[in-house]
Amino acid sequence: METTQAVINPTTPAHKEIHTHQFTLPDHTQLPDSDGTFVKNFQEHPQSIVLTSSIEPVLQQLHPDGNYCIGQDSGIYWRLTEPPEKGAEAPDWFYVPNVPPKLNGEYRRSYVLWKEFVAPLIAIEFVSGNGAEERDATPPSETEKAGKFWVYEQAIRIPFYAIFEARKALLEVYRLVDGSYQKIQPNERGHFAIPPMGVELGLIEDDGVPWIRWWDEAGNLLLTGDERAIVEKQARLQAEEIAQQANLAQQQAEKMAEQANLAQQQAEEMAEQERQQKEKLAAYLRSLGINPDDI
């Protein structure tokens, strides 16, 4: 486990003997994995699942080694505080590239920056109140906790930050530019490009309820696992139907060919019977001394 020395005050006189002690930085197994708050509304959990399920095929292509992790309402510890929860934020959804999903064979309970040194690429917050909490840029003080916006922008420095207000069907996306968040303008499809992931983020309405969804750069909706299963089932059923129709057509063609062959056989049999009858008649005429060719 990593250790670090206590910070030494640079104003300490040089002639005095300086004593240092070792202390251990806590990891994800030693820090709280919840701050005891409730999920704000019933849409948050399925919304997170939709985001994760639909983006996973893209992330698997970006990370063939499987080194990426997704947090859903999981804590990001960005500074040591007492109590520890004051030094953490828990985005409703976030993605971190190039880090393993497990540590020492155990799934992460939280994401600890002083153990990782890799910031999430994108964080998404689902607004349940008036949006002030998600846009709070207040810096930390001795008495007040830093605002989410300030933490993501100035402390964790997350390159992309999205704020989703379902009640207003509003999605804002910010990009970190020169150390400050700049609001991204939507493209012609009303989506927000996330170039490092090769995708776009936008809103779609289902039964009157807005949802955040991913699209590829060509504007194709990225389907969830359930949606992919439905499409695959429909494609399979369609393929089976086409195969059945092709099989039926083949059977009909074989039946027609069989009927044509039977008709040809019957025609050949009738022709053979007619030939035999002619030969019998000719033989009978010859027996009477009549040349059949003269008739």
Protein backbone atom coordinates (compact mmCIF):
# COMPACT_ATOMS: atom_id res chain seq x y z
CA MET A 1 0.00 0.00 0.00
CA GLU A 2 1.24 3.47 -0.84
CA THR A 3 2.55 5.67 1.96
CA THR A 4 3.56 9.27 2.14
CA GLN A 5 5.38 11.43 4.65
CA ALA A 6 3.66 14.11 6.65
CA VAL A 7 3.87 17.56 5.12
CA ILE A 8 6.80 19.57 6.53
CA ASN A 9 6.26 23.25 7.14
CA PRO A 10 8.84 25.03 4.91
CA THR A 11 9.26 27.76 7.55
CA THR A 12 10.66 25.28 10.09
CA PRO A 13 14.17 26.44 11.12
CA ALA A 14 16.88 24.36 9.45
CA HIS A 15 18.87 23.85 12.69
CA LYS A 16 16.00 22.03 14.40
CA GLU A 17 15.70 18.29 14.03
CA ILE A 18 12.64 17.43 11.99
CA HIS A 19 10.74 14.27 12.87
CA THR A 20 8.41 12.77 10.27
CA HIS A 21 5.95 9.96 10.59
CA GLN A 22 4.41 7.65 8.06
CA PHE A 23 0.70 7.54 7.47
CA THR A 24 -1.31 5.40 5.10
CA LEU A 25 -3.66 6.89 2.55
CA PRO A 26 -7.04 5.13 2.68
CA ASP A 27 -8.20 3.20 -0.36
CA HIS A 28 -11.66 2.34 -1.70
CA THR A 29 -12.13 -0.47 0.83
CA GLN A 30 -11.53 1.87 3.78
CA LEU A 31 -13.65 4.82 2.68
CA PRO A 32 -17.47 5.05 3.00
CA ASP A 33 -19.29 3.90 -0.14
CA SER A 34 -22.41 5.95 0.70
CA ASP A 35 -23.21 9.25 2.32
CA GLY A 36 -26.56 7.97 3.52
CA THR A 37 -28.67 10.04 1.13
CA PHE A 38 -31.59 8.66 -0.84
CA VAL A 39 -31.76 8.46 -4.61
CA LYS A 40 -33.68 11.60 -5.50
CA ASN A 41 -36.33 10.08 -7.79
CA PHE A 42 -37.37 6.83 -9.38
CA GLN A 43 -36.04 7.76 -12.84
CA GLU A 44 -32.39 8.03 -11.75
CA HIS A 45 -31.68 4.31 -11.47
CA PRO A 46 -33.22 3.24 -14.82
CA GLN A 47 -31.66 6.30 -16.49
CA SER A 48 -28.20 5.18 -15.32
CA ILE A 49 -28.86 1.66 -16.56
CA VAL A 50 -29.91 3.00 -19.98
CA LEU A 51 -26.71 5.04 -20.26
CA THR A 52 -24.50 2.14 -19.21
CA SER A 53 -26.19 -0.57 -21.26
CA SER A 54 -26.19 1.45 -24.48
CA ILE A 55 -22.58 2.70 -24.25
CA GLU A 56 -20.94 -0.57 -23.23
CA PRO A 57 -20.46 -1.94 -26.80
CA VAL A 58 -18.66 1.30 -27.70
CA LEU A 59 -16.45 1.15 -24.61
CA GLN A 60 -15.63 -2.50 -25.28
CA GLN A 61 -14.37 -1.46 -28.71
CA LEU A 62 -12.39 1.43 -27.23
CA HIS A 63 -10.97 -0.82 -24.50
CA PRO A 64 -10.45 -4.38 -25.81
CA ASP A 65 -8.51 -5.11 -22.62
CA GLY A 66 -11.58 -4.23 -20.53
CA ASN A 67 -9.75 -1.45 -18.69
CA TYR A 68 -12.47 1.08 -18.04
CA CYS A 69 -14.96 1.63 -15.26
CA ILE A 70 -18.41 3.17 -14.97
CA GLY A 71 -19.73 4.69 -11.77
CA GLN A 72 -23.42 5.02 -11.04
CA ASP A 73 -24.04 7.26 -8.02
CA SER A 74 -20.61 6.15 -6.75
CA GLY A 75 -18.29 8.36 -4.74
CA ILE A 76 -15.23 10.07 -6.21
CA TYR A 77 -12.83 10.93 -3.38
CA TRP A 78 -10.80 13.96 -4.41
CA ARG A 79 -9.35 15.17 -1.07
CA LEU A 80 -8.73 13.90 2.44
CA THR A 81 -11.24 15.33 4.92
CA GLU A 82 -12.90 14.48 8.19
CA PRO A 83 -15.44 13.09 7.86
CA PRO A 84 -14.27 11.47 4.59
CA GLU A 85 -17.60 12.09 2.82
CA LYS A 86 -16.91 15.85 2.77
CA GLY A 87 -14.05 15.17 0.37
CA ALA A 88 -16.15 13.20 -2.08
CA GLU A 89 -18.70 13.80 -4.80
CA ALA A 90 -20.98 11.14 -6.26
CA PRO A 91 -22.01 11.88 -9.85
CA ASP A 92 -25.13 10.07 -10.93
CA TRP A 93 -23.10 8.59 -13.81
CA PHE A 94 -19.45 8.78 -14.82
CA TYR A 95 -16.93 6.96 -17.02
CA VAL A 96 -13.20 6.57 -16.42
CA PRO A 97 -11.01 5.27 -19.27
CA ASN A 98 -7.93 3.10 -18.97
CA VAL A 99 -8.41 1.88 -15.41
CA PRO A 100 -9.42 -1.66 -14.40
CA PRO A 101 -12.95 -2.18 -13.06
CA LYS A 102 -11.54 -4.24 -10.19
CA LEU A 103 -8.74 -3.70 -7.68
CA ASN A 104 -7.13 -6.81 -6.21
CA GLY A 105 -10.00 -8.88 -7.58
CA GLU A 106 -12.66 -6.74 -5.91
CA TYR A 107 -15.08 -4.37 -7.59
CA ARG A 108 -14.50 -0.77 -6.60
CA ARG A 109 -16.64 0.59 -3.79
CA SER A 110 -15.67 4.14 -4.79
CA TYR A 111 -13.14 5.93 -6.99
CA VAL A 112 -10.19 7.34 -5.08
CA LEU A 113 -8.21 9.93 -7.03
CA TRP A 114 -5.09 9.82 -4.88
CA LYS A 115 -4.85 6.11 -5.69
CA GLU A 116 -5.63 6.43 -9.40
CA PHE A 117 -4.43 9.80 -10.76
CA VAL A 118 -6.82 9.35 -13.73
CA ALA A 119 -9.86 11.64 -13.81
CA PRO A 120 -13.21 10.54 -15.24
CA LEU A 121 -13.71 11.59 -18.85
CA ILE A 122 -17.35 12.53 -18.34
CA ALA A 123 -19.71 12.99 -15.41
CA ILE A 124 -23.49 13.33 -15.64
CA GLU A 125 -25.77 14.73 -12.96
CA PHE A 126 -29.56 14.23 -12.88
CA VAL A 127 -31.24 17.30 -11.41
CA SER A 128 -33.99 16.70 -8.87
CA GLY A 129 -34.21 20.17 -7.34
CA ASN A 130 -33.84 23.49 -9.11
CA GLY A 131 -30.38 22.74 -10.53
CA ALA A 132 -28.51 25.03 -8.14
CA GLU A 133 -26.63 22.14 -6.54
CA GLU A 134 -25.35 20.86 -9.87
CA ARG A 135 -24.28 24.37 -10.96
CA ASP A 136 -22.76 25.40 -7.65
CA ALA A 137 -19.26 26.79 -8.34
CA THR A 138 -18.53 27.72 -4.71
CA PRO A 139 -14.90 26.92 -3.74
CA PRO A 140 -14.26 25.02 -0.51
CA SER A 141 -13.74 26.76 2.79
CA GLU A 142 -13.07 25.72 6.37
CA THR A 143 -16.78 25.62 7.05
CA GLU A 144 -18.41 24.97 3.68
CA LYS A 145 -18.17 22.09 1.27
CA ALA A 146 -17.20 22.96 -2.29
CA GLY A 147 -19.94 23.07 -4.91
CA LYS A 148 -20.26 20.25 -7.43
CA PHE A 149 -19.48 22.46 -10.42
CA TRP A 150 -16.29 23.76 -8.76
CA VAL A 151 -15.17 20.25 -7.76
CA TYR A 152 -15.63 18.81 -11.24
CA GLU A 153 -14.04 21.84 -12.92
CA GLN A 154 -11.23 22.87 -10.59
CA ALA A 155 -10.43 19.84 -8.41
CA ILE A 156 -11.14 16.65 -10.35
CA ARG A 157 -10.95 18.44 -13.71
CA ILE A 158 -13.40 16.22 -15.57
CA PRO A 159 -13.20 17.03 -19.31
CA PHE A 160 -16.97 16.76 -19.93
CA TYR A 161 -19.77 17.55 -17.47
CA ALA A 162 -23.47 17.12 -18.32
CA ILE A 163 -26.46 18.37 -16.33
CA PHE A 164 -29.85 16.79 -17.08
CA GLU A 165 -33.10 18.38 -15.89
CA ALA A 166 -35.83 15.89 -16.74
CA ARG A 167 -38.69 18.16 -15.63
CA LYS A 168 -37.57 20.83 -18.10
CA ALA A 169 -36.40 18.34 -20.77
CA LEU A 170 -33.11 20.26 -20.60
CA LEU A 171 -29.59 18.97 -21.16
CA GLU A 172 -26.48 21.13 -20.69
CA VAL A 173 -23.01 19.85 -21.53
CA TYR A 174 -19.78 21.58 -20.54
CA ARG A 175 -16.25 20.98 -21.79
CA LEU A 176 -13.11 21.84 -19.87
CA VAL A 177 -11.19 24.41 -21.92
CA ASP A 178 -8.04 26.06 -20.51
CA GLY A 179 -9.04 25.10 -16.97
CA SER A 180 -12.64 26.36 -17.15
CA TYR A 181 -15.92 24.84 -18.23
CA GLN A 182 -17.35 26.18 -21.48
CA LYS A 183 -20.92 25.31 -22.46
CA ILE A 184 -21.07 23.20 -25.63
CA GLN A 185 -23.54 24.15 -28.34
CA PRO A 186 -25.65 21.31 -29.77
CA ASN A 187 -25.14 20.20 -33.35
CA GLU A 188 -27.77 20.16 -36.09
CA ARG A 189 -29.35 17.06 -34.52
CA GLY A 190 -29.59 18.76 -31.14
CA HIS A 191 -26.86 16.48 -29.76
CA PHE A 192 -23.63 17.23 -27.93
CA ALA A 193 -20.47 15.66 -29.34
CA ILE A 194 -18.12 13.77 -27.01
CA PRO A 195 -15.19 13.27 -29.45
CA PRO A 196 -12.92 11.09 -27.23
CA MET A 197 -15.71 8.51 -27.08
CA GLY A 198 -16.83 8.91 -30.69
CA VAL A 199 -20.43 9.50 -29.60
CA GLU A 200 -23.03 12.18 -29.09
CA LEU A 201 -25.22 12.87 -26.07
CA GLY A 202 -28.80 14.05 -26.43
CA LEU A 203 -32.41 13.69 -25.32
CA ILE A 204 -35.19 11.44 -26.54
CA GLU A 205 -38.79 11.34 -25.37
CA ASP A 206 -40.53 8.11 -24.47
CA ASP A 207 -44.19 8.21 -23.42
CA GLY A 208 -43.84 11.89 -22.56
CA VAL A 209 -40.71 11.39 -20.42
CA PRO A 210 -37.31 12.71 -21.59
CA TRP A 211 -34.26 10.43 -21.33
CA ILE A 212 -30.57 11.02 -21.95
CA ARG A 213 -29.33 8.76 -24.73
CA TRP A 214 -26.18 8.15 -26.73
CA TRP A 215 -25.91 8.34 -30.53
CA ASP A 216 -22.95 7.50 -32.75
CA GLU A 217 -21.28 10.21 -34.78
CA ALA A 218 -23.53 9.40 -37.76
CA GLY A 219 -26.63 10.10 -35.67
CA ASN A 220 -27.68 6.48 -35.07
CA LEU A 221 -29.23 5.81 -31.67
CA LEU A 222 -27.16 3.43 -29.54
CA LEU A 223 -29.50 0.74 -28.29
CA THR A 224 -29.67 -0.70 -24.81
CA GLY A 225 -29.16 -4.40 -24.21
CA ASP A 226 -32.92 -4.96 -24.07
CA GLU A 227 -33.44 -2.97 -27.27
CA ARG A 228 -30.65 -4.89 -29.01
CA ALA A 229 -32.25 -8.15 -27.89
CA ILE A 230 -35.61 -7.06 -29.36
CA VAL A 231 -33.98 -6.01 -32.65
CA GLU A 232 -32.01 -9.25 -32.79
CA LYS A 233 -35.16 -11.26 -32.08
CA GLN A 234 -37.06 -9.39 -34.79
CA ALA A 235 -34.18 -9.92 -37.21
CA ARG A 236 -34.06 -13.62 -36.30
CA LEU A 237 -37.82 -14.00 -36.75
CA GLN A 238 -37.65 -12.13 -40.04
CA ALA A 239 -34.77 -14.33 -41.20
CA GLU A 240 -36.71 -17.43 -40.16
CA GLU A 241 -39.77 -16.16 -42.04
CA ILE A 242 -37.69 -15.46 -45.13
CA ALA A 243 -36.11 -18.91 -44.82
CA GLN A 244 -39.56 -20.48 -44.48
CA GLN A 245 -40.81 -18.58 -47.52
CA ALA A 246 -37.72 -19.62 -49.48
CA ASN A 247 -38.23 -23.22 -48.37
CA LEU A 248 -41.91 -23.06 -49.39
CA ALA A 249 -40.97 -21.55 -52.74
CA GLN A 250 -38.40 -24.31 -53.23
CA GLN A 251 -40.98 -26.95 -52.35
CA GLN A 252 -43.43 -25.39 -54.81
CA ALA A 253 -40.75 -25.26 -57.50
CA GLU A 254 -39.88 -28.90 -56.83
CA LYS A 255 -43.57 -29.81 -56.99
CA MET A 256 -43.98 -27.95 -60.29
CA ALA A 257 -40.86 -29.63 -61.64
CA GLU A 258 -42.24 -32.98 -60.50
CA GLN A 259 -45.57 -32.24 -62.19
CA ALA A 260 -43.78 -31.16 -65.36
CA ASN A 261 -41.71 -34.34 -65.30
CA LEU A 262 -44.86 -36.41 -64.76
CA ALA A 263 -46.58 -34.64 -67.66
CA GLN A 264 -43.58 -35.33 -69.87
CA GLN A 265 -43.60 -38.99 -68.85
CA GLN A 266 -47.32 -39.20 -69.63
CA ALA A 267 -46.78 -37.57 -73.01
CA GLU A 268 -43.94 -39.97 -73.76
CA GLU A 269 -46.12 -42.92 -72.71
CA MET A 270 -48.99 -41.73 -74.94
CA ALA A 271 -46.59 -41.28 -77.83
CA GLU A 272 -45.22 -44.77 -77.25
CA GLN A 273 -48.72 -46.22 -77.12
CA GLU A 274 -49.63 -44.42 -80.35
CA ARG A 275 -46.46 -45.75 -82.03
CA GLN A 276 -47.21 -49.29 -80.89
CA GLN A 277 -50.79 -49.03 -82.15
CA LYS A 278 -49.55 -47.83 -85.53
CA GLU A 279 -47.09 -50.69 -85.70
CA LYS A 280 -49.83 -53.21 -84.86
CA LEU A 281 -52.10 -51.71 -87.50
CA ALA A 282 -49.35 -51.80 -90.10
CA ALA A 283 -48.58 -55.43 -89.27
CA TYR A 284 -52.26 -56.33 -89.56
CA LEU A 285 -52.55 -54.64 -92.97
CA ARG A 286 -49.49 -56.42 -94.20
CA SER A 287 -51.04 -59.71 -93.09
CA LEU A 288 -53.93 -58.89 -95.39
CA GLY A 289 -51.52 -58.15 -98.24
CA ILE A 290 -51.99 -54.42 -98.01
CA ASN A 291 -49.04 -52.10 -97.99
CA PRO A 292 -49.73 -49.57 -95.17
CA ASP A 293 -47.61 -47.00 -96.98
CA ASP A 294 -50.05 -47.03 -99.87
CA ILE A 295 -52.92 -46.05 -97.65
